[in-house]
Amino acid sequence: MKILAIETCTDACSVALLVEDECRERFEIARRRHAELILPMADALLAEAGMRITALDGIAFGRGPGAFTGVRIGTAVAQGMAMGADLPLAPVSSLAALATGCAQQGDGFGIAAAFDARMGQVYVGLFAPKNGRAVPMQPEKVCFPDEPSLAQHSSWIGIGSGWAAHREALEASLRGRVIEVRPDAQPHARDVGVLGREMLRLGGGISPETATPVYLRDRVV
């Protein structure tokens, strides 16, 4: 299966091309430059592989949550490419992609993925690693970092920008059972591709015209 994957939901901008077990990726920390970089990255990867976009089996994209502009850019670019090439789309949670990168390292602890959502809040997803995948333990949500309802687990790894902004409150909400924090970790397109490929193989792809970003906040200005 041949999948192009796009991730623009955070300060990182990345594109990956997955062809069976081989993966090529372009990744850059590029705040506010996603619109400038995303298409050239995709074109370069396809050119390196000697492949036309119409040869793909589908396109995976980070559908959010994350920075509003980045989420919109990734959704719009994936939608336009898929429409032009008549391909299905696989919308992937950016929190799940972040957690998947951690789960593939073989850690046996719970993964608390969090992005800074501004306004004193975080986007949070709680995951359990299983066979290199991050299995959701509850629906992802936007909340205040000191809310005690995040979950119970014996030990946690905190990952993502939410931990850089709200580490103390997040640790308290997890009852201090955090053994490691990786605040600089970013979601990668390669992990979006891994999750998107699995989604497409199971028949979970969607048509381009139905693709929508996921903000988690009810009101987006």
N, C-alpha and C. Protein backbone atom coordinates (compact mmCIF):
# COMPACT_ATOMS: atom_id res chain seq x y z
N MET A 1 0.84 -1.19 0.00
CA MET A 1 0.00 0.00 0.00
C MET A 1 0.88 1.24 0.00
N LYS A 2 0.50 2.24 -0.80
CA LYS A 2 1.28 3.47 -0.96
C LYS A 2 0.46 4.64 -0.41
N ILE A 3 0.99 5.29 0.63
CA ILE A 3 0.26 6.34 1.34
C ILE A 3 1.12 7.60 1.43
N LEU A 4 0.54 8.74 1.12
CA LEU A 4 1.15 10.03 1.41
C LEU A 4 0.50 10.57 2.68
N ALA A 5 1.30 11.05 3.62
CA ALA A 5 0.78 11.53 4.90
C ALA A 5 1.22 12.96 5.14
N ILE A 6 0.33 13.76 5.72
CA ILE A 6 0.56 15.18 5.98
C ILE A 6 0.26 15.48 7.44
N GLU A 7 1.14 16.25 8.10
CA GLU A 7 0.90 16.66 9.48
C GLU A 7 1.32 18.12 9.66
N THR A 8 0.36 18.98 9.99
CA THR A 8 0.63 20.42 10.15
C THR A 8 -0.06 21.00 11.38
N CYS A 9 -0.44 20.19 12.34
CA CYS A 9 -1.29 20.65 13.44
C CYS A 9 -0.54 21.37 14.55
N THR A 10 0.79 21.32 14.53
CA THR A 10 1.59 21.99 15.56
C THR A 10 2.62 22.88 14.87
N ASP A 11 3.63 23.31 15.61
CA ASP A 11 4.70 24.11 15.00
C ASP A 11 5.50 23.30 13.99
N ALA A 12 5.41 21.98 14.04
CA ALA A 12 6.12 21.12 13.09
C ALA A 12 5.31 20.97 11.81
N CYS A 13 6.02 20.89 10.71
CA CYS A 13 5.41 20.64 9.40
C CYS A 13 6.11 19.43 8.80
N SER A 14 5.34 18.39 8.43
CA SER A 14 5.99 17.20 7.89
C SER A 14 5.10 16.50 6.87
N VAL A 15 5.77 15.82 5.96
CA VAL A 15 5.11 14.99 4.95
C VAL A 15 5.88 13.68 4.89
N ALA A 16 5.18 12.57 4.75
CA ALA A 16 5.83 11.26 4.66
C ALA A 16 5.21 10.47 3.52
N LEU A 17 6.03 9.67 2.88
CA LEU A 17 5.57 8.75 1.84
C LEU A 17 5.88 7.34 2.30
N LEU A 18 4.83 6.55 2.49
CA LEU A 18 4.97 5.17 2.95
C LEU A 18 4.64 4.23 1.79
N VAL A 19 5.61 3.40 1.42
CA VAL A 19 5.42 2.40 0.38
C VAL A 19 5.78 1.06 0.99
N GLU A 20 4.76 0.29 1.33
CA GLU A 20 4.94 -0.96 2.09
C GLU A 20 5.71 -0.66 3.38
N ASP A 21 6.89 -1.24 3.57
CA ASP A 21 7.64 -1.05 4.81
C ASP A 21 8.64 0.10 4.74
N GLU A 22 8.71 0.75 3.59
CA GLU A 22 9.66 1.86 3.43
C GLU A 22 8.98 3.19 3.69
N CYS A 23 9.68 4.09 4.38
CA CYS A 23 9.12 5.40 4.68
C CYS A 23 10.15 6.50 4.40
N ARG A 24 9.74 7.51 3.64
CA ARG A 24 10.54 8.71 3.43
C ARG A 24 9.79 9.86 4.09
N GLU A 25 10.52 10.78 4.72
CA GLU A 25 9.84 11.87 5.41
C GLU A 25 10.61 13.17 5.27
N ARG A 26 9.87 14.25 5.17
CA ARG A 26 10.40 15.61 5.31
C ARG A 26 9.79 16.19 6.58
N PHE A 27 10.62 16.75 7.44
CA PHE A 27 10.15 17.28 8.72
C PHE A 27 10.89 18.56 9.03
N GLU A 28 10.14 19.57 9.47
CA GLU A 28 10.76 20.85 9.82
C GLU A 28 9.92 21.56 10.87
N ILE A 29 10.59 22.14 11.88
CA ILE A 29 9.90 23.03 12.81
C ILE A 29 9.78 24.37 12.09
N ALA A 30 8.56 24.73 11.75
CA ALA A 30 8.36 25.87 10.85
C ALA A 30 7.08 26.61 11.21
N ARG A 31 7.09 27.29 12.33
CA ARG A 31 5.91 28.00 12.78
C ARG A 31 5.47 29.03 11.75
N ARG A 32 4.21 28.97 11.37
CA ARG A 32 3.57 29.89 10.41
C ARG A 32 4.12 29.75 8.99
N ARG A 33 4.83 28.66 8.68
CA ARG A 33 5.33 28.46 7.31
C ARG A 33 4.75 27.20 6.68
N HIS A 34 3.75 26.62 7.31
CA HIS A 34 3.19 25.36 6.82
C HIS A 34 2.67 25.48 5.39
N ALA A 35 1.94 26.56 5.12
CA ALA A 35 1.36 26.73 3.78
C ALA A 35 2.44 26.85 2.72
N GLU A 36 3.58 27.42 3.10
CA GLU A 36 4.70 27.60 2.18
C GLU A 36 5.43 26.29 1.90
N LEU A 37 5.51 25.41 2.88
CA LEU A 37 6.37 24.24 2.80
C LEU A 37 5.67 22.95 2.39
N ILE A 38 4.39 22.82 2.70
CA ILE A 38 3.75 21.51 2.63
C ILE A 38 3.72 20.92 1.22
N LEU A 39 3.33 21.70 0.23
CA LEU A 39 3.26 21.15 -1.14
C LEU A 39 4.64 20.86 -1.72
N PRO A 40 5.64 21.75 -1.57
CA PRO A 40 6.99 21.39 -2.04
C PRO A 40 7.54 20.13 -1.38
N MET A 41 7.25 19.93 -0.10
CA MET A 41 7.68 18.70 0.57
C MET A 41 7.05 17.47 -0.08
N ALA A 42 5.75 17.54 -0.33
CA ALA A 42 5.05 16.42 -0.95
C ALA A 42 5.57 16.15 -2.35
N ASP A 43 5.77 17.21 -3.13
CA ASP A 43 6.28 17.04 -4.50
C ASP A 43 7.67 16.41 -4.49
N ALA A 44 8.53 16.83 -3.55
CA ALA A 44 9.89 16.31 -3.49
C ALA A 44 9.89 14.81 -3.17
N LEU A 45 9.05 14.40 -2.24
CA LEU A 45 9.00 12.98 -1.88
C LEU A 45 8.51 12.12 -3.04
N LEU A 46 7.47 12.58 -3.71
CA LEU A 46 6.96 11.82 -4.86
C LEU A 46 7.99 11.75 -5.97
N ALA A 47 8.71 12.86 -6.19
CA ALA A 47 9.74 12.88 -7.24
C ALA A 47 10.88 11.92 -6.89
N GLU A 48 11.29 11.91 -5.63
CA GLU A 48 12.35 10.98 -5.21
C GLU A 48 11.97 9.53 -5.46
N ALA A 49 10.70 9.23 -5.25
CA ALA A 49 10.23 7.85 -5.42
C ALA A 49 9.85 7.55 -6.87
N GLY A 50 9.92 8.56 -7.73
CA GLY A 50 9.53 8.37 -9.13
C GLY A 50 8.07 8.00 -9.26
N MET A 51 7.23 8.65 -8.48
CA MET A 51 5.84 8.25 -8.40
C MET A 51 4.91 9.44 -8.65
N ARG A 52 3.84 9.19 -9.36
CA ARG A 52 2.78 10.19 -9.52
C ARG A 52 1.78 10.06 -8.38
N ILE A 53 1.14 11.15 -8.08
CA ILE A 53 0.17 11.11 -6.98
C ILE A 53 -0.97 10.14 -7.27
N THR A 54 -1.29 9.94 -8.55
CA THR A 54 -2.37 9.02 -8.91
C THR A 54 -2.02 7.56 -8.64
N ALA A 55 -0.72 7.29 -8.37
CA ALA A 55 -0.31 5.92 -8.05
C ALA A 55 -0.54 5.58 -6.58
N LEU A 56 -0.91 6.56 -5.78
CA LEU A 56 -1.13 6.33 -4.36
C LEU A 56 -2.44 5.58 -4.13
N ASP A 57 -2.51 4.93 -2.96
CA ASP A 57 -3.74 4.26 -2.55
C ASP A 57 -4.59 5.16 -1.66
N GLY A 58 -4.00 6.24 -1.17
CA GLY A 58 -4.75 7.16 -0.34
C GLY A 58 -3.85 8.20 0.29
N ILE A 59 -4.46 9.17 0.96
CA ILE A 59 -3.74 10.24 1.64
C ILE A 59 -4.22 10.31 3.08
N ALA A 60 -3.28 10.30 4.01
CA ALA A 60 -3.59 10.45 5.43
C ALA A 60 -3.21 11.86 5.86
N PHE A 61 -3.98 12.43 6.79
CA PHE A 61 -3.67 13.78 7.24
C PHE A 61 -4.01 13.93 8.72
N GLY A 62 -3.24 14.76 9.40
CA GLY A 62 -3.53 15.08 10.78
C GLY A 62 -4.73 16.01 10.83
N ARG A 63 -5.85 15.53 11.38
CA ARG A 63 -7.10 16.29 11.33
C ARG A 63 -7.32 17.14 12.58
N GLY A 64 -6.30 17.17 13.47
CA GLY A 64 -6.41 17.93 14.70
C GLY A 64 -6.58 17.01 15.87
N PRO A 65 -6.63 17.57 17.07
CA PRO A 65 -6.61 19.00 17.38
C PRO A 65 -5.21 19.58 17.27
N GLY A 66 -5.15 20.90 17.42
CA GLY A 66 -3.89 21.59 17.32
C GLY A 66 -4.13 23.05 17.03
N ALA A 67 -3.11 23.70 16.49
CA ALA A 67 -3.24 25.10 16.11
C ALA A 67 -4.30 25.25 15.02
N PHE A 68 -5.23 26.18 15.20
CA PHE A 68 -6.36 26.29 14.27
C PHE A 68 -5.90 26.45 12.82
N THR A 69 -4.93 27.34 12.58
CA THR A 69 -4.48 27.56 11.20
C THR A 69 -3.83 26.31 10.64
N GLY A 70 -2.98 25.67 11.43
CA GLY A 70 -2.31 24.46 10.96
C GLY A 70 -3.28 23.34 10.66
N VAL A 71 -4.29 23.17 11.51
CA VAL A 71 -5.29 22.13 11.28
C VAL A 71 -6.04 22.39 9.98
N ARG A 72 -6.39 23.64 9.73
CA ARG A 72 -7.11 23.97 8.50
C ARG A 72 -6.24 23.75 7.26
N ILE A 73 -4.96 24.13 7.37
CA ILE A 73 -4.06 23.97 6.22
C ILE A 73 -3.92 22.49 5.86
N GLY A 74 -3.66 21.66 6.84
CA GLY A 74 -3.48 20.24 6.56
C GLY A 74 -4.72 19.60 5.97
N THR A 75 -5.88 19.95 6.51
CA THR A 75 -7.13 19.39 5.99
C THR A 75 -7.38 19.85 4.57
N ALA A 76 -7.19 21.14 4.31
CA ALA A 76 -7.46 21.69 2.98
C ALA A 76 -6.51 21.13 1.93
N VAL A 77 -5.22 21.02 2.28
CA VAL A 77 -4.25 20.49 1.31
C VAL A 77 -4.54 19.03 1.00
N ALA A 78 -4.79 18.24 2.03
CA ALA A 78 -5.11 16.82 1.80
C ALA A 78 -6.38 16.68 0.97
N GLN A 79 -7.37 17.49 1.28
CA GLN A 79 -8.64 17.43 0.55
C GLN A 79 -8.45 17.78 -0.92
N GLY A 80 -7.68 18.84 -1.19
CA GLY A 80 -7.45 19.24 -2.58
C GLY A 80 -6.67 18.20 -3.35
N MET A 81 -5.63 17.63 -2.76
CA MET A 81 -4.83 16.61 -3.44
C MET A 81 -5.67 15.36 -3.71
N ALA A 82 -6.47 14.97 -2.73
CA ALA A 82 -7.27 13.76 -2.89
C ALA A 82 -8.35 13.94 -3.95
N MET A 83 -8.95 15.12 -3.99
CA MET A 83 -9.97 15.38 -5.01
C MET A 83 -9.37 15.33 -6.41
N GLY A 84 -8.20 15.96 -6.56
CA GLY A 84 -7.56 16.00 -7.87
C GLY A 84 -7.11 14.64 -8.36
N ALA A 85 -6.75 13.75 -7.45
CA ALA A 85 -6.24 12.43 -7.83
C ALA A 85 -7.27 11.32 -7.62
N ASP A 86 -8.47 11.69 -7.17
CA ASP A 86 -9.55 10.72 -6.93
C ASP A 86 -9.10 9.64 -5.95
N LEU A 87 -8.65 10.09 -4.77
CA LEU A 87 -8.13 9.18 -3.75
C LEU A 87 -8.95 9.29 -2.47
N PRO A 88 -9.02 8.23 -1.67
CA PRO A 88 -9.66 8.33 -0.36
C PRO A 88 -8.74 9.00 0.65
N LEU A 89 -9.34 9.55 1.69
CA LEU A 89 -8.60 10.20 2.76
C LEU A 89 -8.72 9.41 4.05
N ALA A 90 -7.68 9.50 4.87
CA ALA A 90 -7.69 8.89 6.21
C ALA A 90 -7.41 9.99 7.22
N PRO A 91 -8.43 10.50 7.92
CA PRO A 91 -8.22 11.53 8.94
C PRO A 91 -7.70 10.93 10.23
N VAL A 92 -6.57 11.43 10.71
CA VAL A 92 -5.89 10.84 11.88
C VAL A 92 -5.76 11.89 12.98
N SER A 93 -6.05 11.51 14.20
CA SER A 93 -5.86 12.40 15.34
C SER A 93 -4.38 12.76 15.49
N SER A 94 -4.10 14.05 15.62
CA SER A 94 -2.72 14.48 15.82
C SER A 94 -2.19 14.03 17.18
N LEU A 95 -3.07 13.93 18.17
CA LEU A 95 -2.66 13.41 19.48
C LEU A 95 -2.31 11.93 19.38
N ALA A 96 -3.10 11.18 18.62
CA ALA A 96 -2.81 9.75 18.44
C ALA A 96 -1.50 9.55 17.69
N ALA A 97 -1.23 10.42 16.71
CA ALA A 97 0.04 10.32 15.97
C ALA A 97 1.22 10.59 16.91
N LEU A 98 1.09 11.61 17.76
CA LEU A 98 2.14 11.91 18.72
C LEU A 98 2.37 10.72 19.66
N ALA A 99 1.29 10.15 20.17
CA ALA A 99 1.40 9.01 21.08
C ALA A 99 1.96 7.78 20.39
N THR A 100 1.64 7.59 19.11
CA THR A 100 2.14 6.45 18.36
C THR A 100 3.66 6.49 18.25
N GLY A 101 4.21 7.68 18.02
CA GLY A 101 5.65 7.81 17.96
C GLY A 101 6.31 7.36 19.25
N CYS A 102 5.65 7.62 20.38
CA CYS A 102 6.16 7.19 21.68
C CYS A 102 5.97 5.69 21.87
N ALA A 103 4.80 5.18 21.50
CA ALA A 103 4.50 3.75 21.68
C ALA A 103 5.43 2.87 20.87
N GLN A 104 5.88 3.34 19.72
CA GLN A 104 6.76 2.54 18.87
C GLN A 104 8.15 2.37 19.46
N GLN A 105 8.46 3.15 20.49
CA GLN A 105 9.77 3.03 21.14
C GLN A 105 9.77 1.92 22.19
N GLY A 106 8.60 1.28 22.38
CA GLY A 106 8.55 0.11 23.24
C GLY A 106 8.29 0.37 24.70
N ASP A 107 7.94 1.61 25.07
CA ASP A 107 7.67 1.91 26.47
C ASP A 107 6.38 1.23 26.90
N GLY A 108 6.36 0.69 28.09
CA GLY A 108 5.18 -0.03 28.58
C GLY A 108 4.29 0.80 29.48
N PHE A 109 4.45 2.12 29.47
CA PHE A 109 3.69 2.98 30.36
C PHE A 109 2.56 3.68 29.61
N GLY A 110 1.60 4.20 30.38
CA GLY A 110 0.55 5.00 29.77
C GLY A 110 1.15 6.25 29.15
N ILE A 111 0.52 6.74 28.09
CA ILE A 111 1.02 7.93 27.37
C ILE A 111 -0.03 9.02 27.49
N ALA A 112 0.36 10.14 28.10
CA ALA A 112 -0.52 11.30 28.22
C ALA A 112 -0.04 12.35 27.23
N ALA A 113 -0.69 12.40 26.06
CA ALA A 113 -0.32 13.35 25.00
C ALA A 113 -1.12 14.63 25.20
N ALA A 114 -0.43 15.76 25.19
CA ALA A 114 -1.11 17.03 25.43
C ALA A 114 -0.49 18.14 24.60
N PHE A 115 -1.34 18.91 23.94
CA PHE A 115 -0.92 20.13 23.24
C PHE A 115 -1.41 21.33 24.03
N ASP A 116 -0.64 22.40 24.01
CA ASP A 116 -1.09 23.65 24.61
C ASP A 116 -2.23 24.20 23.75
N ALA A 117 -3.40 24.40 24.36
CA ALA A 117 -4.57 24.89 23.64
C ALA A 117 -4.80 26.37 23.86
N ARG A 118 -3.86 27.06 24.50
CA ARG A 118 -4.00 28.47 24.86
C ARG A 118 -5.17 28.64 25.84
N MET A 119 -5.41 29.87 26.25
CA MET A 119 -6.50 30.19 27.17
C MET A 119 -6.46 29.33 28.43
N GLY A 120 -5.25 28.91 28.82
CA GLY A 120 -5.08 28.12 30.03
C GLY A 120 -5.54 26.68 29.94
N GLN A 121 -5.75 26.19 28.71
CA GLN A 121 -6.26 24.83 28.52
C GLN A 121 -5.29 23.97 27.71
N VAL A 122 -5.59 22.68 27.68
CA VAL A 122 -4.79 21.74 26.90
C VAL A 122 -5.72 20.82 26.10
N TYR A 123 -5.23 20.36 24.97
CA TYR A 123 -5.86 19.24 24.26
C TYR A 123 -5.19 17.98 24.80
N VAL A 124 -5.97 17.03 25.26
CA VAL A 124 -5.41 15.86 25.92
C VAL A 124 -5.94 14.57 25.31
N GLY A 125 -5.06 13.62 25.12
CA GLY A 125 -5.42 12.26 24.75
C GLY A 125 -4.63 11.29 25.59
N LEU A 126 -5.29 10.31 26.17
CA LEU A 126 -4.63 9.30 27.00
C LEU A 126 -4.61 7.97 26.27
N PHE A 127 -3.44 7.34 26.23
CA PHE A 127 -3.25 6.15 25.40
C PHE A 127 -2.49 5.06 26.17
N ALA A 128 -2.77 3.81 25.78
CA ALA A 128 -2.01 2.67 26.28
C ALA A 128 -1.26 2.06 25.10
N PRO A 129 0.05 1.83 25.22
CA PRO A 129 0.81 1.23 24.13
C PRO A 129 0.49 -0.24 23.97
N LYS A 130 0.32 -0.68 22.75
CA LYS A 130 0.05 -2.10 22.47
C LYS A 130 0.58 -2.44 21.09
N ASN A 131 1.58 -3.30 21.03
CA ASN A 131 2.16 -3.75 19.76
C ASN A 131 2.58 -2.57 18.88
N GLY A 132 3.22 -1.58 19.49
CA GLY A 132 3.70 -0.44 18.73
C GLY A 132 2.63 0.56 18.35
N ARG A 133 1.42 0.38 18.85
CA ARG A 133 0.32 1.31 18.58
C ARG A 133 -0.11 1.98 19.87
N ALA A 134 -0.72 3.14 19.75
CA ALA A 134 -1.25 3.85 20.91
C ALA A 134 -2.76 3.68 20.92
N VAL A 135 -3.26 2.94 21.87
CA VAL A 135 -4.70 2.64 21.95
C VAL A 135 -5.37 3.67 22.85
N PRO A 136 -6.38 4.40 22.34
CA PRO A 136 -7.04 5.42 23.17
C PRO A 136 -7.71 4.79 24.39
N MET A 137 -7.55 5.45 25.54
CA MET A 137 -8.16 4.99 26.78
C MET A 137 -9.46 5.73 27.07
N GLN A 138 -9.64 6.89 26.45
CA GLN A 138 -10.85 7.69 26.59
C GLN A 138 -10.87 8.69 25.45
N PRO A 139 -12.02 9.31 25.15
CA PRO A 139 -12.06 10.29 24.07
C PRO A 139 -11.13 11.47 24.36
N GLU A 140 -10.44 11.95 23.34
CA GLU A 140 -9.60 13.13 23.52
C GLU A 140 -10.49 14.35 23.78
N LYS A 141 -9.95 15.36 24.46
CA LYS A 141 -10.77 16.49 24.84
C LYS A 141 -9.92 17.73 25.07
N VAL A 142 -10.58 18.87 25.16
CA VAL A 142 -9.95 20.10 25.59
C VAL A 142 -10.41 20.36 27.01
N CYS A 143 -9.47 20.69 27.91
CA CYS A 143 -9.82 20.87 29.31
C CYS A 143 -8.75 21.70 30.00
N PHE A 144 -9.01 22.06 31.24
CA PHE A 144 -7.99 22.71 32.05
C PHE A 144 -7.03 21.64 32.57
N PRO A 145 -5.75 21.94 32.62
CA PRO A 145 -4.76 20.89 32.93
C PRO A 145 -4.85 20.33 34.34
N ASP A 146 -5.51 21.05 35.26
CA ASP A 146 -5.58 20.55 36.63
C ASP A 146 -6.86 19.77 36.90
N GLU A 147 -7.64 19.48 35.86
CA GLU A 147 -8.84 18.69 36.07
C GLU A 147 -8.46 17.27 36.49
N PRO A 148 -9.07 16.75 37.54
CA PRO A 148 -8.69 15.44 38.04
C PRO A 148 -9.26 14.27 37.25
N SER A 149 -9.99 14.57 36.18
CA SER A 149 -10.70 13.51 35.46
C SER A 149 -9.89 12.93 34.31
N LEU A 150 -8.61 13.25 34.23
CA LEU A 150 -7.82 12.80 33.08
C LEU A 150 -7.72 11.27 33.03
N ALA A 151 -7.53 10.60 34.17
CA ALA A 151 -7.55 9.13 34.21
C ALA A 151 -6.66 8.62 35.32
N GLN A 152 -6.73 7.35 35.55
CA GLN A 152 -5.86 6.69 36.53
C GLN A 152 -5.01 5.65 35.78
N HIS A 153 -3.75 5.58 36.15
CA HIS A 153 -2.84 4.60 35.57
C HIS A 153 -1.66 4.47 36.51
N SER A 154 -0.97 3.36 36.49
CA SER A 154 0.14 3.17 37.42
C SER A 154 1.30 4.12 37.14
N SER A 155 1.66 4.31 35.86
CA SER A 155 2.77 5.19 35.49
C SER A 155 2.49 5.81 34.13
N TRP A 156 2.97 7.06 33.96
CA TRP A 156 2.70 7.79 32.72
C TRP A 156 3.96 8.40 32.14
N ILE A 157 3.96 8.53 30.82
CA ILE A 157 4.92 9.38 30.11
C ILE A 157 4.13 10.56 29.56
N GLY A 158 4.56 11.77 29.91
CA GLY A 158 3.92 12.97 29.39
C GLY A 158 4.63 13.44 28.14
N ILE A 159 3.86 13.76 27.12
CA ILE A 159 4.49 14.08 25.84
C ILE A 159 3.71 15.21 25.15
N GLY A 160 4.44 16.16 24.57
CA GLY A 160 3.81 17.23 23.82
C GLY A 160 3.91 18.60 24.47
N SER A 161 3.56 19.64 23.72
CA SER A 161 3.73 21.02 24.15
C SER A 161 2.89 21.40 25.35
N GLY A 162 1.81 20.68 25.59
CA GLY A 162 1.00 20.96 26.78
C GLY A 162 1.80 20.77 28.06
N TRP A 163 2.76 19.86 28.02
CA TRP A 163 3.60 19.60 29.19
C TRP A 163 4.62 20.71 29.39
N ALA A 164 5.03 21.36 28.32
CA ALA A 164 5.94 22.49 28.46
C ALA A 164 5.23 23.66 29.15
N ALA A 165 3.95 23.85 28.86
CA ALA A 165 3.21 24.99 29.39
C ALA A 165 2.56 24.71 30.73
N HIS A 166 2.20 23.44 31.00
CA HIS A 166 1.37 23.15 32.18
C HIS A 166 1.83 21.88 32.91
N ARG A 167 3.12 21.69 33.01
CA ARG A 167 3.62 20.43 33.57
C ARG A 167 3.12 20.17 35.00
N GLU A 168 3.22 21.15 35.86
CA GLU A 168 2.88 20.93 37.26
C GLU A 168 1.42 20.54 37.42
N ALA A 169 0.52 21.24 36.72
CA ALA A 169 -0.90 20.95 36.83
C ALA A 169 -1.23 19.58 36.23
N LEU A 170 -0.61 19.25 35.11
CA LEU A 170 -0.86 17.95 34.49
C LEU A 170 -0.37 16.81 35.38
N GLU A 171 0.79 16.99 35.98
CA GLU A 171 1.30 15.95 36.89
C GLU A 171 0.35 15.76 38.07
N ALA A 172 -0.19 16.86 38.58
CA ALA A 172 -1.13 16.75 39.69
C ALA A 172 -2.40 16.02 39.27
N SER A 173 -2.86 16.28 38.05
CA SER A 173 -4.09 15.63 37.59
C SER A 173 -3.90 14.14 37.39
N LEU A 174 -2.66 13.72 37.19
CA LEU A 174 -2.35 12.30 37.07
C LEU A 174 -1.79 11.74 38.37
N ARG A 175 -2.01 12.46 39.45
CA ARG A 175 -1.63 12.04 40.80
C ARG A 175 -0.14 11.78 40.95
N GLY A 176 0.67 12.55 40.22
CA GLY A 176 2.11 12.47 40.38
C GLY A 176 2.75 11.21 39.88
N ARG A 177 2.03 10.44 39.07
CA ARG A 177 2.57 9.16 38.60
C ARG A 177 3.28 9.29 37.25
N VAL A 178 3.84 10.45 36.99
CA VAL A 178 4.53 10.72 35.73
C VAL A 178 6.02 10.41 35.91
N ILE A 179 6.52 9.48 35.12
CA ILE A 179 7.91 9.06 35.29
C ILE A 179 8.85 9.77 34.31
N GLU A 180 8.29 10.35 33.25
CA GLU A 180 9.12 11.04 32.25
C GLU A 180 8.26 12.03 31.50
N VAL A 181 8.86 13.16 31.11
CA VAL A 181 8.16 14.18 30.34
C VAL A 181 8.99 14.53 29.11
N ARG A 182 8.33 14.57 27.96
CA ARG A 182 9.00 14.92 26.70
C ARG A 182 8.25 16.11 26.09
N PRO A 183 8.50 17.33 26.60
CA PRO A 183 7.71 18.49 26.19
C PRO A 183 7.98 18.98 24.77
N ASP A 184 9.11 18.61 24.21
CA ASP A 184 9.47 19.08 22.87
C ASP A 184 9.04 18.13 21.75
N ALA A 185 8.44 17.02 22.11
CA ALA A 185 8.03 16.05 21.10
C ALA A 185 6.93 16.62 20.20
N GLN A 186 6.99 16.31 18.93
CA GLN A 186 6.03 16.78 17.94
C GLN A 186 5.46 15.59 17.18
N PRO A 187 4.21 15.68 16.72
CA PRO A 187 3.69 14.61 15.85
C PRO A 187 4.40 14.61 14.51
N HIS A 188 4.60 13.43 13.96
CA HIS A 188 5.27 13.26 12.67
C HIS A 188 4.30 12.70 11.64
N ALA A 189 4.51 13.11 10.40
CA ALA A 189 3.70 12.57 9.30
C ALA A 189 3.87 11.07 9.16
N ARG A 190 5.04 10.55 9.48
CA ARG A 190 5.25 9.10 9.35
C ARG A 190 4.27 8.33 10.23
N ASP A 191 3.99 8.87 11.44
CA ASP A 191 3.06 8.19 12.34
C ASP A 191 1.61 8.41 11.90
N VAL A 192 1.33 9.58 11.33
CA VAL A 192 0.02 9.79 10.70
C VAL A 192 -0.17 8.76 9.60
N GLY A 193 0.89 8.51 8.84
CA GLY A 193 0.81 7.52 7.76
C GLY A 193 0.59 6.12 8.25
N VAL A 194 1.25 5.75 9.34
CA VAL A 194 1.07 4.40 9.92
C VAL A 194 -0.39 4.20 10.33
N LEU A 195 -0.95 5.18 11.02
CA LEU A 195 -2.34 5.07 11.46
C LEU A 195 -3.31 5.17 10.30
N GLY A 196 -3.00 6.04 9.35
CA GLY A 196 -3.88 6.19 8.18
C GLY A 196 -3.89 4.97 7.30
N ARG A 197 -2.75 4.34 7.14
CA ARG A 197 -2.67 3.12 6.33
C ARG A 197 -3.52 2.01 6.94
N GLU A 198 -3.45 1.89 8.26
CA GLU A 198 -4.26 0.89 8.95
C GLU A 198 -5.75 1.19 8.77
N MET A 199 -6.10 2.46 8.84
CA MET A 199 -7.49 2.87 8.67
C MET A 199 -7.99 2.52 7.27
N LEU A 200 -7.18 2.79 6.26
CA LEU A 200 -7.58 2.51 4.88
C LEU A 200 -7.68 1.01 4.64
N ARG A 201 -6.77 0.24 5.21
CA ARG A 201 -6.81 -1.21 5.04
C ARG A 201 -8.08 -1.81 5.64
N LEU A 202 -8.59 -1.17 6.69
CA LEU A 202 -9.80 -1.66 7.34
C LEU A 202 -11.07 -1.05 6.77
N GLY A 203 -10.90 -0.29 5.68
CA GLY A 203 -12.06 0.30 5.02
C GLY A 203 -12.58 1.56 5.67
N GLY A 204 -11.74 2.23 6.48
CA GLY A 204 -12.20 3.42 7.18
C GLY A 204 -11.90 4.72 6.49
N GLY A 205 -11.50 4.69 5.23
CA GLY A 205 -11.24 5.92 4.50
C GLY A 205 -12.52 6.69 4.22
N ILE A 206 -12.38 7.98 3.95
CA ILE A 206 -13.53 8.82 3.65
C ILE A 206 -13.32 9.51 2.30
N SER A 207 -14.39 10.00 1.71
CA SER A 207 -14.28 10.75 0.46
C SER A 207 -13.78 12.16 0.77
N PRO A 208 -13.04 12.77 -0.14
CA PRO A 208 -12.45 14.08 0.13
C PRO A 208 -13.45 15.15 0.53
N GLU A 209 -14.63 15.14 -0.09
CA GLU A 209 -15.60 16.20 0.20
C GLU A 209 -16.15 16.15 1.62
N THR A 210 -15.95 15.04 2.32
CA THR A 210 -16.46 14.92 3.69
C THR A 210 -15.39 15.22 4.74
N ALA A 211 -14.18 15.54 4.32
CA ALA A 211 -13.09 15.78 5.26
C ALA A 211 -13.33 17.08 6.03
N THR A 212 -13.20 17.02 7.34
CA THR A 212 -13.37 18.21 8.18
C THR A 212 -12.30 18.22 9.26
N PRO A 213 -11.83 19.41 9.64
CA PRO A 213 -10.88 19.50 10.75
C PRO A 213 -11.57 19.25 12.07
N VAL A 214 -10.80 18.82 13.05
CA VAL A 214 -11.32 18.59 14.41
C VAL A 214 -10.60 19.55 15.35
N TYR A 215 -11.36 20.49 15.90
CA TYR A 215 -10.78 21.49 16.79
C TYR A 215 -10.94 21.13 18.26
N LEU A 216 -11.95 20.34 18.61
CA LEU A 216 -12.35 20.00 19.97
C LEU A 216 -13.08 21.14 20.67
N ARG A 217 -12.69 22.37 20.43
CA ARG A 217 -13.45 23.49 20.98
C ARG A 217 -14.73 23.69 20.16
N ASP A 218 -15.84 23.94 20.86
CA ASP A 218 -17.11 24.12 20.18
C ASP A 218 -17.15 25.42 19.40
N ARG A 219 -16.46 26.44 19.91
CA ARG A 219 -16.48 27.74 19.24
C ARG A 219 -15.08 28.06 18.72
N VAL A 220 -15.00 28.27 17.42
CA VAL A 220 -13.74 28.61 16.77
C VAL A 220 -13.96 29.88 15.97
N VAL A 221 -13.22 30.94 16.32
CA VAL A 221 -13.37 32.21 15.62
C VAL A 221 -12.35 32.28 14.49
